[in-house]
C-alpha atoms as a PDB file:
ATOM      1  CA  MET A   1     137.901-173.049 150.198  1.00  0.00           C
ATOM      2  CA  ILE A   2     139.193-169.922 151.888  1.00  0.00           C
ATOM      3  CA  TYR A   3     139.944-169.970 155.623  1.00  0.00           C
ATOM      4  CA  THR A   4     140.380-166.806 157.663  1.00  0.00           C
ATOM      5  CA  TRP A   5     141.670-166.989 161.226  1.00  0.00           C
ATOM      6  CA  LYS A   6     141.063-164.054 163.600  1.00  0.00           C
ATOM      7  CA  ILE A   7     141.661-163.224 167.223  1.00  0.00           C
ATOM      8  CA  LEU A   8     138.439-161.942 168.745  1.00  0.00           C
ATOM      9  CA  ASP A   9     139.550-161.073 172.254  1.00  0.00           C
ATOM     10  CA  LEU A  10     142.281-161.498 174.838  1.00  0.00           C
ATOM     11  CA  GLU A  11     141.919-161.807 178.576  1.00  0.00           C
ATOM     12  CA  SER A  12     144.954-160.629 180.513  1.00  0.00           C
ATOM     13  CA  LEU A  13     146.060-159.864 184.036  1.00  0.00           C
ATOM     14  CA  LYS A  14     145.855-156.155 184.841  1.00  0.00           C
ATOM     15  CA  SER A  15     148.999-156.243 186.940  1.00  0.00           C
ATOM     16  CA  SER A  16     151.366-157.707 184.326  1.00  0.00           C
ATOM     17  CA  GLY A  17     149.510-157.813 181.017  1.00  0.00           C
ATOM     18  CA  LEU A  18     150.065-161.587 180.876  1.00  0.00           C
ATOM     19  CA  VAL A  19     147.485-163.058 178.504  1.00  0.00           C
ATOM     20  CA  THR A  20     145.540-165.926 180.092  1.00  0.00           C
ATOM     21  CA  LYS A  21     142.769-166.564 177.555  1.00  0.00           C
ATOM     22  CA  VAL A  22     142.424-166.149 173.794  1.00  0.00           C
ATOM     23  CA  SER A  23     139.114-166.138 171.927  1.00  0.00           C
ATOM     24  CA  TYR A  24     139.520-166.992 168.243  1.00  0.00           C
ATOM     25  CA  GLN A  25     137.452-167.526 165.129  1.00  0.00           C
ATOM     26  CA  CYS A  26     137.944-169.426 161.898  1.00  0.00           C
ATOM     27  CA  ASP A  27     135.755-168.505 158.926  1.00  0.00           C
ATOM     28  CA  ALA A  28     135.431-170.757 155.881  1.00  0.00           C
ATOM     29  CA  HIS A  29     134.097-169.472 152.543  1.00  0.00           C
ATOM     30  CA  LYS A  30     133.376-171.283 149.313  1.00  0.00           C
ATOM     31  CA  ASN A  31     131.441-169.456 146.616  1.00  0.00           C
ATOM     32  CA  SER A  32     128.408-168.032 148.441  1.00  0.00           C
ATOM     33  CA  LEU A  33     128.557-170.525 151.321  1.00  0.00           C
ATOM     34  CA  TYR A  34     130.013-169.610 154.684  1.00  0.00           C
ATOM     35  CA  THR A  35     130.519-171.216 158.083  1.00  0.00           C
ATOM     36  CA  ARG A  36     132.398-170.292 161.241  1.00  0.00           C
ATOM     37  CA  ARG A  37     133.968-171.869 164.319  1.00  0.00           C
ATOM     38  CA  ILE A  38     134.585-169.838 167.466  1.00  0.00           C
ATOM     39  CA  GLY A  39     136.692-171.139 170.321  1.00  0.00           C
ATOM     40  CA  GLU A  40     138.892-170.275 173.266  1.00  0.00           C
ATOM     41  CA  ILE A  41     142.205-171.426 174.618  1.00  0.00           C
ATOM     42  CA  ILE A  42     143.504-170.980 178.147  1.00  0.00           C
ATOM     43  CA  LEU A  43     147.161-170.042 178.465  1.00  0.00           C
ATOM     44  CA  THR A  44     149.502-170.689 181.347  1.00  0.00           C
ATOM     45  CA  GLY A  45     152.902-169.158 181.798  1.00  0.00           C
ATOM     46  CA  SER A  46     154.645-166.186 183.268  1.00  0.00           C
ATOM     47  CA  ILE A  47     156.287-162.954 182.223  1.00  0.00           C
ATOM     48  CA  ASP A  48     159.624-164.683 182.911  1.00  0.00           C
ATOM     49  CA  ASP A  49     159.081-167.236 180.128  1.00  0.00           C
ATOM     50  CA  GLU A  50     161.416-167.125 177.147  1.00  0.00           C
ATOM     51  CA  GLY A  51     159.783-165.319 174.240  1.00  0.00           C
ATOM     52  CA  TYR A  52     157.369-163.367 176.452  1.00  0.00           C
ATOM     53  CA  ILE A  53     155.909-160.391 174.561  1.00  0.00           C
ATOM     54  CA  GLU A  54     154.510-157.463 176.509  1.00  0.00           C
ATOM     55  CA  TYR A  55     150.780-156.951 176.029  1.00  0.00           C
ATOM     56  CA  ASP A  56     151.161-153.591 174.271  1.00  0.00           C
ATOM     57  CA  ASN A  57     153.589-155.142 171.763  1.00  0.00           C
ATOM     58  CA  LEU A  58     151.393-158.107 170.785  1.00  0.00           C
ATOM     59  CA  THR A  59     150.149-158.444 167.229  1.00  0.00           C
ATOM     60  CA  GLN A  60     147.407-160.646 165.862  1.00  0.00           C
ATOM     61  CA  ASP A  61     150.104-162.711 164.122  1.00  0.00           C
ATOM     62  CA  ASN A  62     151.842-163.324 167.478  1.00  0.00           C
ATOM     63  CA  VAL A  63     148.641-164.584 169.046  1.00  0.00           C
ATOM     64  CA  LEU A  64     147.626-166.641 165.997  1.00  0.00           C
ATOM     65  CA  GLY A  65     151.009-168.359 166.361  1.00  0.00           C
ATOM     66  CA  TRP A  66     150.052-169.444 169.871  1.00  0.00           C
ATOM     67  CA  LEU A  67     147.075-171.316 168.424  1.00  0.00           C
ATOM     68  CA  ASP A  68     149.410-173.514 166.366  1.00  0.00           C
ATOM     69  CA  SER A  69     150.659-175.280 169.491  1.00  0.00           C
ATOM     70  CA  LYS A  70     147.309-175.341 171.303  1.00  0.00           C
ATOM     71  CA  ILE A  71     144.721-176.470 168.739  1.00  0.00           C
ATOM     72  CA  ASP A  72     144.527-178.622 165.635  1.00  0.00           C
ATOM     73  CA  LYS A  73     143.822-175.947 163.022  1.00  0.00           C
ATOM     74  CA  SER A  74     143.761-178.543 160.243  1.00  0.00           C
ATOM     75  CA  ALA A  75     141.015-180.531 161.991  1.00  0.00           C
ATOM     76  CA  ILE A  76     138.929-177.374 162.435  1.00  0.00           C
ATOM     77  CA  GLU A  77     139.351-176.447 158.772  1.00  0.00           C
ATOM     78  CA  THR A  78     138.403-179.998 157.728  1.00  0.00           C
ATOM     79  CA  SER A  79     135.280-179.856 159.886  1.00  0.00           C
ATOM     80  CA  LEU A  80     134.270-176.526 158.371  1.00  0.00           C
ATOM     81  CA  SER A  81     134.886-177.887 154.854  1.00  0.00           C
ATOM     82  CA  GLU A  82     132.679-180.888 155.589  1.00  0.00           C
ATOM     83  CA  SER A  83     129.926-178.580 156.831  1.00  0.00           C
ATOM     84  CA  ILE A  84     130.056-176.551 153.626  1.00  0.00           C
ATOM     85  CA  ALA A  85     130.090-179.756 151.526  1.00  0.00           C
ATOM     86  CA  LEU A  86     126.889-180.888 153.263  1.00  0.00           C
ATOM     87  CA  ASP A  87     125.323-177.482 152.567  1.00  0.00           C
ATOM     88  CA  GLU A  88     126.299-177.823 148.884  1.00  0.00           C
ATOM     89  CA  ILE A  89     124.623-181.237 148.689  1.00  0.00           C
ATOM     90  CA  GLU A  90     121.480-179.921 150.380  1.00  0.00           C
ATOM     91  CA  ILE A  91     121.276-176.913 148.076  1.00  0.00           C
ATOM     92  CA  SER A  92     121.984-179.027 144.992  1.00  0.00           C
ATOM     93  CA  SER A  93     119.272-181.538 145.845  1.00  0.00           C
ATOM     94  CA  SER A  94     116.707-178.792 146.416  1.00  0.00           C
ATOM     95  CA  ILE A  95     117.165-177.199 142.973  1.00  0.00           C
ATOM     96  CA  GLN A  96     114.225-178.066 140.738  1.00  0.00           C
ATOM     97  CA  THR A  97     115.324-176.393 137.516  1.00  0.00           C
ATOM     98  CA  LYS A  98     118.321-176.732 135.256  1.00  0.00           C
ATOM     99  CA  ILE A  99     119.956-174.082 133.086  1.00  0.00           C
ATOM    100  CA  GLY A 100     121.986-174.856 129.984  1.00  0.00           C
ATOM    101  CA  VAL A 101     121.872-176.802 126.728  1.00  0.00           C
ATOM    102  CA  PRO A 102     122.240-180.565 126.354  1.00  0.00           C
ATOM    103  CA  TRP A 103     125.206-180.334 123.961  1.00  0.00           C
ATOM    104  CA  GLY A 104     127.233-178.258 126.458  1.00  0.00           C
ATOM    105  CA  GLU A 105     127.313-180.959 129.119  1.00  0.00           C
END
């Protein structure tokens, strides 16, 4: 399973650049199957907080780091994995033909 985390959008205060909301996405891929979770977190704080990064200096890695303390990434990845596993079962049960030879199994 391959998980890809992305930041979709930031909401910030015009006056200070302080980020107040983060929209994120986690994609899960396995073979040709794919699923996605999109969410948001609300941030509180001030420009006087230790570690404050000015808006123009933010990177996606900075913002992805904020998610670590705000959401349970592992639980989201597990949920996405379970969704793909259910899709695999559904696809497998709908296949009516078999390819191969009996001595190769």
